[in-house]
Amino acid sequence: MTATPENNPGENIAEFTLPQGCMLCGGAVSIRSTPGGGSHSYCPHCHWLSRTRLRMHKNGLEIAYATQGNA
């Protein structure tokens, strides 16, 4: 296994908040995206954690929440 050390490890981390973006309670969702770890979201109101998928499009950003199970 080989690894390349980063000069500034925090340089490529993107963090943003989506008001009313929580799928469960409608609260604000904080999203953090890192190059190696993907992206994760957290709602401080209901404490929902999720792995998100981010895709850049010509007109904006698409955010998808992975489905873990269906009932």
C-alpha atoms as a PDB file:
ATOM      1  CA  MET A   1       0.000   0.000   0.000  1.00  0.00           C
ATOM      2  CA  THR A   2       1.280   3.472  -0.829  1.00  0.00           C
ATOM      3  CA  ALA A   3       0.167   6.807   0.508  1.00  0.00           C
ATOM      4  CA  THR A   4       0.985  10.368  -0.431  1.00  0.00           C
ATOM      5  CA  PRO A   5       1.130  12.784   2.512  1.00  0.00           C
ATOM      6  CA  GLU A   6      -0.792  16.027   2.124  1.00  0.00           C
ATOM      7  CA  ASN A   7       0.927  19.328   2.802  1.00  0.00           C
ATOM      8  CA  ASN A   8      -2.207  20.887   4.300  1.00  0.00           C
ATOM      9  CA  PRO A   9      -4.616  18.107   5.324  1.00  0.00           C
ATOM     10  CA  GLY A  10      -7.513  20.487   6.092  1.00  0.00           C
ATOM     11  CA  GLU A  11      -7.205  22.367   2.818  1.00  0.00           C
ATOM     12  CA  ASN A  12      -9.637  20.223   0.803  1.00  0.00           C
ATOM     13  CA  ILE A  13     -12.400  19.951   3.423  1.00  0.00           C
ATOM     14  CA  ALA A  14     -15.687  21.643   2.516  1.00  0.00           C
ATOM     15  CA  GLU A  15     -18.282  22.391   5.201  1.00  0.00           C
ATOM     16  CA  PHE A  16     -21.664  24.026   4.715  1.00  0.00           C
ATOM     17  CA  THR A  17     -25.120  24.165   6.312  1.00  0.00           C
ATOM     18  CA  LEU A  18     -28.443  23.648   4.555  1.00  0.00           C
ATOM     19  CA  PRO A  19     -31.310  25.403   6.334  1.00  0.00           C
ATOM     20  CA  GLN A  20     -34.365  23.103   6.528  1.00  0.00           C
ATOM     21  CA  GLY A  21     -32.338  20.304   4.905  1.00  0.00           C
ATOM     22  CA  CYS A  22     -32.991  17.482   7.403  1.00  0.00           C
ATOM     23  CA  MET A  23     -35.015  14.661   5.881  1.00  0.00           C
ATOM     24  CA  LEU A  24     -36.451  13.706   9.293  1.00  0.00           C
ATOM     25  CA  CYS A  25     -37.297  16.897  11.150  1.00  0.00           C
ATOM     26  CA  GLY A  26     -36.759  19.745   8.656  1.00  0.00           C
ATOM     27  CA  GLY A  27     -33.976  21.307  10.722  1.00  0.00           C
ATOM     28  CA  ALA A  28     -30.679  22.703   9.509  1.00  0.00           C
ATOM     29  CA  VAL A  29     -28.181  20.082   8.311  1.00  0.00           C
ATOM     30  CA  SER A  30     -24.406  20.467   8.494  1.00  0.00           C
ATOM     31  CA  ILE A  31     -22.534  18.707   5.681  1.00  0.00           C
ATOM     32  CA  ARG A  32     -18.802  18.011   5.627  1.00  0.00           C
ATOM     33  CA  SER A  33     -17.057  16.696   2.531  1.00  0.00           C
ATOM     34  CA  THR A  34     -13.481  15.407   2.429  1.00  0.00           C
ATOM     35  CA  PRO A  35     -11.576  14.054  -0.574  1.00  0.00           C
ATOM     36  CA  GLY A  36     -10.784  10.655   0.944  1.00  0.00           C
ATOM     37  CA  GLY A  37     -13.733  10.137   3.282  1.00  0.00           C
ATOM     38  CA  GLY A  38     -16.690  11.194   1.178  1.00  0.00           C
ATOM     39  CA  SER A  39     -19.343  13.374   2.767  1.00  0.00           C
ATOM     40  CA  HIS A  40     -21.400  13.133   5.937  1.00  0.00           C
ATOM     41  CA  SER A  41     -24.337  15.113   7.270  1.00  0.00           C
ATOM     42  CA  TYR A  42     -25.526  15.858  10.813  1.00  0.00           C
ATOM     43  CA  CYS A  43     -28.687  17.473  12.143  1.00  0.00           C
ATOM     44  CA  PRO A  44     -28.095  19.050  15.576  1.00  0.00           C
ATOM     45  CA  HIS A  45     -31.857  19.198  16.227  1.00  0.00           C
ATOM     46  CA  CYS A  46     -32.768  15.489  15.911  1.00  0.00           C
ATOM     47  CA  HIS A  47     -29.185  14.111  15.854  1.00  0.00           C
ATOM     48  CA  TRP A  48     -29.639  12.325  12.518  1.00  0.00           C
ATOM     49  CA  LEU A  49     -26.350  11.221  10.957  1.00  0.00           C
ATOM     50  CA  SER A  50     -26.130  10.235   7.314  1.00  0.00           C
ATOM     51  CA  ARG A  51     -23.662   9.533   4.558  1.00  0.00           C
ATOM     52  CA  THR A  52     -24.425  11.829   1.635  1.00  0.00           C
ATOM     53  CA  ARG A  53     -23.536  11.730  -2.024  1.00  0.00           C
ATOM     54  CA  LEU A  54     -22.631  15.043  -3.622  1.00  0.00           C
ATOM     55  CA  ARG A  55     -22.627  15.656  -7.379  1.00  0.00           C
ATOM     56  CA  MET A  56     -21.769  18.877  -9.132  1.00  0.00           C
ATOM     57  CA  HIS A  57     -24.008  19.826 -12.047  1.00  0.00           C
ATOM     58  CA  LYS A  58     -23.874  22.754 -14.404  1.00  0.00           C
ATOM     59  CA  ASN A  59     -26.628  24.595 -12.496  1.00  0.00           C
ATOM     60  CA  GLY A  60     -25.722  23.635  -8.932  1.00  0.00           C
ATOM     61  CA  LEU A  61     -25.083  20.908  -6.400  1.00  0.00           C
ATOM     62  CA  GLU A  62     -27.137  17.713  -6.031  1.00  0.00           C
ATOM     63  CA  ILE A  63     -27.266  16.087  -2.592  1.00  0.00           C
ATOM     64  CA  ALA A  64     -28.544  12.528  -2.200  1.00  0.00           C
ATOM     65  CA  TYR A  65     -28.978  10.580   1.023  1.00  0.00           C
ATOM     66  CA  ALA A  66     -28.192   6.873   0.849  1.00  0.00           C
ATOM     67  CA  THR A  67     -31.041   4.528   1.783  1.00  0.00           C
ATOM     68  CA  GLN A  68     -29.963   2.076   4.483  1.00  0.00           C
ATOM     69  CA  GLY A  69     -33.154   0.041   4.558  1.00  0.00           C
ATOM     70  CA  ASN A  70     -36.801  -0.022   3.607  1.00  0.00           C
ATOM     71  CA  ALA A  71     -39.781  -1.018   5.732  1.00  0.00           C
END
